[in-house]
Every structure is written in structure tokens, then in C-alpha cells.
Protein backbone atom coordinates (compact mmCIF):
# COMPACT_ATOMS: atom_id res chain seq x y z
CA UNK A 1 -19.72 -5.56 -10.83
CA UNK A 2 -19.94 -3.17 -7.92
CA UNK A 3 -17.92 0.05 -7.64
CA UNK A 4 -15.83 -1.64 -4.96
CA UNK A 5 -12.61 -3.24 -6.12
CA UNK A 6 -12.09 -4.70 -2.63
CA UNK A 7 -14.61 -5.82 -0.04
CA UNK A 8 -13.32 -7.17 3.28
CA UNK A 9 -15.93 -8.89 5.43
CA UNK A 10 -15.25 -9.84 9.06
CA UNK A 11 -11.65 -10.77 8.20
CA UNK A 12 -9.72 -12.66 10.85
CA UNK A 13 -6.20 -14.04 10.44
CA UNK A 14 -4.18 -16.26 12.79
CA UNK A 15 -0.52 -17.23 12.76
CA UNK A 16 -0.10 -20.80 13.94
CA UNK A 17 2.96 -22.11 15.78
CA UNK A 18 3.72 -25.25 17.76
CA UNK A 19 4.94 -25.42 21.35
CA UNK A 20 7.52 -27.93 22.60
CA UNK A 21 4.75 -30.53 23.00
CA UNK A 22 3.59 -30.16 19.42
CA UNK A 23 0.43 -28.34 20.46
CA UNK A 24 -0.77 -25.75 17.93
CA UNK A 25 -0.85 -22.20 19.29
CA UNK A 26 -2.92 -19.61 17.46
CA UNK A 27 -1.74 -16.00 17.53
CA UNK A 28 -4.54 -13.72 16.40
CA UNK A 29 -3.19 -11.01 14.07
CA UNK A 30 -6.47 -9.62 12.68
CA UNK A 31 -9.87 -9.53 14.39
CA UNK A 32 -13.15 -8.97 12.57
CA UNK A 33 -11.85 -6.46 9.98
CA UNK A 34 -14.47 -5.03 7.60
CA UNK A 35 -14.13 -2.23 5.04
CA UNK A 36 -14.54 -1.53 1.32
CA UNK A 37 -12.29 0.17 -1.22
CA UNK A 38 -13.90 1.91 -4.17
CA UNK A 39 -12.25 1.98 -7.58
CA UNK A 40 -9.87 4.91 -7.97
CA UNK A 41 -9.67 5.57 -4.22
CA UNK A 42 -6.43 6.25 -2.30
CA UNK A 43 -6.56 4.51 1.09
CA UNK A 44 -3.82 4.70 3.72
CA UNK A 45 -3.61 2.01 6.41
CA UNK A 46 -1.64 3.06 9.48
CA UNK A 47 -0.70 1.57 12.82
CA UNK A 48 2.30 0.88 15.01
CA UNK A 49 4.46 -2.24 14.77
CA UNK A 50 2.37 -5.34 15.47
CA UNK A 51 -0.92 -3.65 14.58
CA UNK A 52 -1.56 -6.07 11.70
CA UNK A 53 -0.88 -3.71 8.75
CA UNK A 54 1.36 -6.02 6.73
CA UNK A 55 -0.78 -9.07 7.54
CA UNK A 56 -3.79 -7.19 6.18
CA UNK A 57 -1.83 -6.18 3.07
CA UNK A 58 -0.94 -9.80 2.30
CA UNK A 59 -4.61 -10.80 2.63
CA UNK A 60 -5.56 -8.28 -0.07
CA UNK A 61 -3.86 -10.12 -2.94
CA UNK A 62 -4.06 -13.72 -1.71
CA UNK A 63 -0.53 -14.04 -0.39
CA UNK A 64 -2.49 -14.98 2.74
CA UNK A 65 -6.09 -16.25 2.81
CA UNK A 66 -8.41 -15.47 5.74
CA UNK A 67 -8.67 -17.71 8.80
CA UNK A 68 -12.18 -16.28 9.20
CA UNK A 69 -14.38 -14.04 7.07
CA UNK A 70 -13.53 -13.30 3.48
CA UNK A 71 -11.77 -10.93 1.08
CA UNK A 72 -13.45 -10.16 -2.24
CA UNK A 73 -11.31 -8.79 -5.10
CA UNK A 74 -13.50 -7.62 -8.00
CA UNK A 75 -16.17 -9.97 -6.57
CA UNK A 76 -13.72 -12.93 -6.48
CA UNK A 77 -13.30 -14.67 -3.11
CA UNK A 78 -9.57 -15.06 -2.40
CA UNK A 79 -10.23 -18.42 -0.74
CA UNK A 80 -11.78 -19.84 -3.90
CA UNK A 81 -10.28 -17.98 -6.87
CA UNK A 82 -7.01 -18.77 -8.64
CA UNK A 83 -4.30 -16.60 -6.98
CA UNK A 84 -3.11 -15.56 -10.46
CA UNK A 85 -6.57 -14.11 -11.18
CA UNK A 86 -6.44 -12.19 -7.90
CA UNK A 87 -2.93 -10.85 -8.57
CA UNK A 88 -3.91 -9.77 -12.06
CA UNK A 89 -6.26 -7.33 -10.30
CA UNK A 90 -4.24 -6.39 -7.19
CA UNK A 91 -0.48 -5.93 -7.41
CA UNK A 92 1.85 -5.46 -4.47
CA UNK A 93 5.00 -3.43 -3.80
CA UNK A 94 6.97 -4.50 -0.73
CA UNK A 95 9.01 -2.54 1.80
CA UNK A 96 12.32 -4.05 0.64
CA UNK A 97 12.61 -3.98 -3.17
CA UNK A 98 15.35 -6.64 -3.03
CA UNK A 99 12.60 -9.11 -2.08
CA UNK A 100 10.81 -8.28 -5.34
CA UNK A 101 13.64 -8.00 -7.88
CA UNK A 102 14.37 -11.38 -9.46
CA UNK A 103 16.33 -10.75 -12.69
CA UNK A 104 19.87 -9.56 -13.40
CA UNK A 105 18.72 -6.86 -15.86
CA UNK A 106 16.21 -4.12 -15.02
CA UNK A 107 13.96 -4.50 -18.10
CA UNK A 108 13.80 -8.29 -17.63
CA UNK A 109 12.68 -7.72 -14.06
CA UNK A 110 9.87 -5.42 -15.16
CA UNK A 111 8.79 -8.03 -17.73
CA UNK A 112 8.67 -10.86 -15.18
CA UNK A 113 5.12 -10.17 -13.89
CA UNK A 114 3.31 -9.92 -17.24
CA UNK A 115 5.24 -12.98 -18.49
CA UNK A 116 3.80 -14.97 -15.58
CA UNK A 117 0.33 -13.71 -16.53
CA UNK A 118 0.79 -15.10 -20.04
CA UNK A 119 0.79 -11.72 -21.80
CA UNK A 120 1.81 -11.70 -25.49
CA UNK A 121 5.58 -10.93 -25.87
CA UNK A 122 5.01 -7.88 -28.11
CA UNK A 123 2.56 -6.41 -25.60
CA UNK A 124 5.04 -7.11 -22.79
CA UNK A 125 7.62 -5.01 -24.66
CA UNK A 126 5.16 -2.10 -24.85
CA UNK A 127 4.17 -2.50 -21.20
CA UNK A 128 7.81 -2.52 -20.04
CA UNK A 129 8.57 0.65 -22.03
CA UNK A 130 5.52 2.43 -20.61
CA UNK A 131 6.15 1.30 -17.03
CA UNK A 132 9.82 2.36 -17.05
CA UNK A 133 8.83 5.73 -18.49
CA UNK A 134 6.22 6.29 -15.76
CA UNK A 135 8.83 5.84 -13.02
CA UNK A 136 11.56 7.75 -14.95
CA UNK A 137 13.87 4.73 -15.18
CA UNK A 138 14.09 4.18 -18.96
CA UNK A 139 17.80 5.10 -19.11
CA UNK A 140 18.57 2.35 -16.55
CA UNK A 141 16.79 -0.44 -18.41
CA UNK A 142 19.96 -2.38 -19.31
CA UNK A 143 21.55 -2.08 -15.85
CA UNK A 144 21.70 -4.67 -13.13
CA UNK A 145 19.36 -3.88 -10.21
CA UNK A 146 22.32 -4.29 -7.82
CA UNK A 147 23.84 -1.11 -9.33
CA UNK A 148 20.84 1.03 -8.39
CA UNK A 149 20.12 3.09 -5.28
CA UNK A 150 17.38 2.06 -2.85
CA UNK A 151 14.97 4.60 -4.33
CA UNK A 152 15.74 3.47 -7.87
CA UNK A 153 15.20 -0.18 -6.92
CA UNK A 154 11.83 0.72 -5.44
CA UNK A 155 10.88 2.51 -8.67
CA UNK A 156 11.77 -0.65 -10.63
CA UNK A 157 9.62 -2.71 -8.24
CA UNK A 158 6.73 -0.31 -8.91
CA UNK A 159 7.37 -0.54 -12.67
CA UNK A 160 7.11 -4.33 -12.43
CA UNK A 161 3.63 -4.02 -10.93
CA UNK A 162 2.61 -1.32 -13.42
CA UNK A 163 3.57 -3.65 -16.28
CA UNK A 164 1.04 -6.15 -14.95
CA UNK A 165 -1.63 -3.45 -15.41
CA UNK A 166 -3.47 -4.32 -12.21
CA UNK A 167 -6.47 -2.19 -11.25
CA UNK A 168 -5.17 -1.77 -7.70
CA UNK A 169 -1.70 -1.54 -6.17
CA UNK A 170 -0.97 -2.25 -2.51
CA UNK A 171 2.17 -0.50 -1.28
CA UNK A 172 3.45 -2.15 1.91
CA UNK A 173 5.61 0.54 3.57
CA UNK A 174 7.41 1.31 0.28
CA UNK A 175 9.33 4.29 1.70
CA UNK A 176 10.38 2.82 5.06
CA UNK A 177 13.95 2.03 3.93
CA UNK A 178 14.50 5.27 1.98
CA UNK A 179 15.96 8.66 2.84
CA UNK A 180 13.71 11.77 2.70
CA UNK A 181 14.58 12.42 -0.96
CA UNK A 182 13.79 8.82 -1.94
CA UNK A 183 10.54 8.92 0.06
CA UNK A 184 9.41 12.04 -1.80
CA UNK A 185 10.18 10.44 -5.19
CA UNK A 186 8.10 7.36 -4.39
CA UNK A 187 5.21 9.38 -2.93
CA UNK A 188 5.18 11.59 -6.04
CA UNK A 189 4.83 8.45 -8.19
CA UNK A 190 2.06 7.06 -5.94
CA UNK A 191 0.12 10.32 -6.07
CA UNK A 192 0.50 10.53 -9.86
CA UNK A 193 -0.83 6.98 -10.24
CA UNK A 194 -3.82 7.93 -8.09
CA UNK A 195 -4.48 11.01 -10.21
CA UNK A 196 -4.47 8.77 -13.29
CA UNK A 197 -7.26 6.68 -11.73
CA UNK A 198 -5.33 3.79 -10.19
CA UNK A 199 -6.71 2.40 -6.93
CA UNK A 200 -3.97 2.79 -4.31
CA UNK A 201 -3.64 1.23 -0.86
CA UNK A 202 -0.68 2.56 1.09
CA UNK A 203 0.52 0.82 4.24
CA UNK A 204 2.67 3.35 6.09
CA UNK A 205 3.89 4.52 9.47
CA UNK A 206 4.57 8.05 8.18
CA UNK A 207 1.55 10.17 9.06
CA UNK A 208 2.59 12.84 6.52
CA UNK A 209 2.06 10.20 3.82
CA UNK A 210 -1.29 9.08 5.23
CA UNK A 211 -2.47 12.70 5.27
CA UNK A 212 -2.37 12.68 1.44
CA UNK A 213 -4.87 9.83 1.12
CA UNK A 214 -8.63 10.05 0.53
CA UNK A 215 -9.29 7.71 3.44
CA UNK A 216 -7.26 6.53 6.45
CA UNK A 217 -7.78 3.27 8.33
CA UNK A 218 -6.13 3.05 11.75
CA UNK A 219 -5.26 -0.44 12.98
CA UNK A 220 -4.42 -1.28 16.58
CA UNK A 221 -3.77 -4.81 17.83
CA UNK A 222 -5.52 -6.29 14.80
CA UNK A 223 -8.65 -4.16 15.05
CA UNK A 224 -9.88 -1.03 13.25
CA UNK A 225 -9.89 2.01 15.51
CA UNK A 226 -10.81 4.55 12.85
CA UNK A 227 -11.94 4.66 9.23
CA UNK A 228 -12.45 8.06 7.64
CA UNK A 229 -10.83 11.05 5.97
CA UNK A 230 -7.44 12.46 7.08
CA UNK A 231 -9.15 15.72 7.98
CA UNK A 232 -11.46 13.88 10.40
CA UNK A 233 -8.63 11.82 11.88
CA UNK A 234 -5.93 14.41 12.42
CA UNK A 235 -7.70 16.73 14.85
CA UNK A 236 -7.17 17.54 18.51
CA UNK A 237 -10.41 15.71 19.25
CA UNK A 238 -8.74 12.45 18.13
CA UNK A 239 -5.54 12.87 20.13
CA UNK A 240 -6.57 10.14 22.57
CA UNK A 241 -7.26 7.74 19.69
CA UNK A 242 -3.88 8.53 18.11
CA UNK A 243 -2.15 8.01 21.45
CA UNK A 244 -3.88 4.64 21.88
CA UNK A 245 -2.57 3.58 18.45
CA UNK A 246 0.86 5.04 19.26
CA UNK A 247 0.65 7.43 16.31
CA UNK A 248 1.65 11.07 16.01
CA UNK A 249 -0.18 13.93 14.36
CA UNK A 250 1.41 15.08 11.07
CA UNK A 251 3.56 18.14 11.69
CA UNK A 252 1.42 20.29 9.39
CA UNK A 253 -1.82 19.27 11.15
CA UNK A 254 -0.31 19.85 14.58
CA UNK A 255 0.97 23.30 13.63
CA UNK A 256 -2.32 24.18 11.92
CA UNK A 257 -4.21 23.33 15.11
CA UNK A 258 -1.95 25.65 17.10
CA UNK A 259 -2.52 28.45 14.57
CA UNK A 260 -6.28 27.90 14.48
CA UNK A 261 -6.45 26.71 10.86
CA UNK A 262 -9.22 24.20 10.17
CA UNK A 263 -9.13 21.25 7.74
CA UNK A 264 -5.37 21.51 7.23
CA UNK A 265 -3.34 18.27 7.34
CA UNK A 266 -0.66 18.51 4.60
CA UNK A 267 2.31 20.84 4.16
CA UNK A 268 0.76 22.33 1.01
CA UNK A 269 -2.51 23.05 2.77
CA UNK A 270 -0.64 24.70 5.64
CA UNK A 271 1.28 26.97 3.27
CA UNK A 272 -1.90 27.92 1.42
CA UNK A 273 -3.72 28.66 4.68
CA UNK A 274 -0.83 30.80 5.93
CA UNK A 275 -0.77 32.83 2.69
CA UNK A 276 -4.49 33.68 2.79
């Protein structure tokens, strides 16, 4: 098997609707998208509303299948493979955790994914314990999800995917509905998972989050405008590209440019550069 966990080749995706005459109308959401994701990589996908980010995310674990082109997950074509096989490799965390929580008790919710994969009950118990520990939610295991805060619910949603032990996790705007404190908690978990070797794909509209990734893909009207490192993207030279995609420079990168610091895109890098 190749080093790539994901390989997207000329992916196109259309939404189909009918007009009042019953004629099918195709709305093109993705156009000729191609990129690869190596194992253990942290990739951020950014773009304004309507850019195709969430549509792309759903194509990565067979919630959608391509209208054109193909998506390979660990060399499996999502059009041909069993969706369960695909989702055993690529898990997904959604923007609204309420869309992902299905049980009335937290630990049962975390167990739901591996149960559907046919994992042995004793191993499920171990996986649930480990997953809850990783997201610091063990003490809430017997609670109802409805009693938790938004950030806590999102941590439980992440634990549910961790319990499935997928090689890759796609986070579809997981911090969009959270306050700054909740956003930081979730990003800390995402970064820790990446450090442990998990392949992470983060769909986000927060450029400060994208700046933490190894690679950033910029989508605009269903097409890729940029694919490269945050340090290459967030420069004054790319201001026109960012404007076209209706994106803003991260505050740290913008301030660093004003101060003449090079290769600085995160808050930590800005502080370190200022202290030198």
C-alpha cells in the first residue's frame, strides 16, 4: 500500500434538483479536485461558504460518492468498496455534535461506532475507556449527552470516532459552534492526535486553526486555488488569492508581516520571534 491514506483524482460532485417541469438540474459543487493525503499528515481545507468544503469532506468517507473522478481510501475506491470498510479507515466529526450523538448515555454513545463495526464487546469496553480518557471525559461517562456543554458534546463525538480506531479523522468545522475556550479545547485535542500519528483533515473557516496544519488547501467555488504549507499561503504575496477566496490572513501572520518577521503564522511563532 502506498504512503497515501487518501488519493483524490479529478473529483467532481453535483447536487441534482428538479424544476417545476420535472427536469433535472445539476448544480456543480466540486470541479476536477485532485490531491493526496499522506499518512500522519495534518491537512486543513479552507474556503468561504459555498466553496465546497463540506461536500468534499463527505466524499472522503463515502457519505457521498463522486459524480466524476474517484476517491481512494487506503487504495479502496469509494464507488466500489463497502461503505463500512471505508468508514473503518476514515472517521468523521461534524460541526454540530447533536447530529452525531445517538444514545442517552455518554459511554453507550462512544461504543456505538465500534459496535457497528462488529468489534468484540470486551475490546469495545477497552476502546471506550481509552477514548474517553483521551478527550478528558471519563468522569462524564454515565451522564446523558443533553446535560453536557457544546464543547463537551464535541469531545464525546470525537471519542466516538477514536473508539472506531480509524487511521484518519475528518473534522468538518468542529469548532464553528463553540466559544473561544471550547475552540481551544478541541484544537488541543486535534493537535495531540496529530502528534500521536493520526492523519487529520480539518475543514475550517478559522485561519488561525489552518495555520497549525502541515498543509492547507484553499477551495473557491468548487476548485482548488492553493495547495501548500501555511507559511507559503499566509504571505503578503498571496493577499490577492486570499481576497479572491474571501479569506483573511491569521492575525499572527498579518502582524508578523508588519514587523518584518518571516515564516511566522501562529501566535506561538510570533511570540518566539518577538523574544529573539
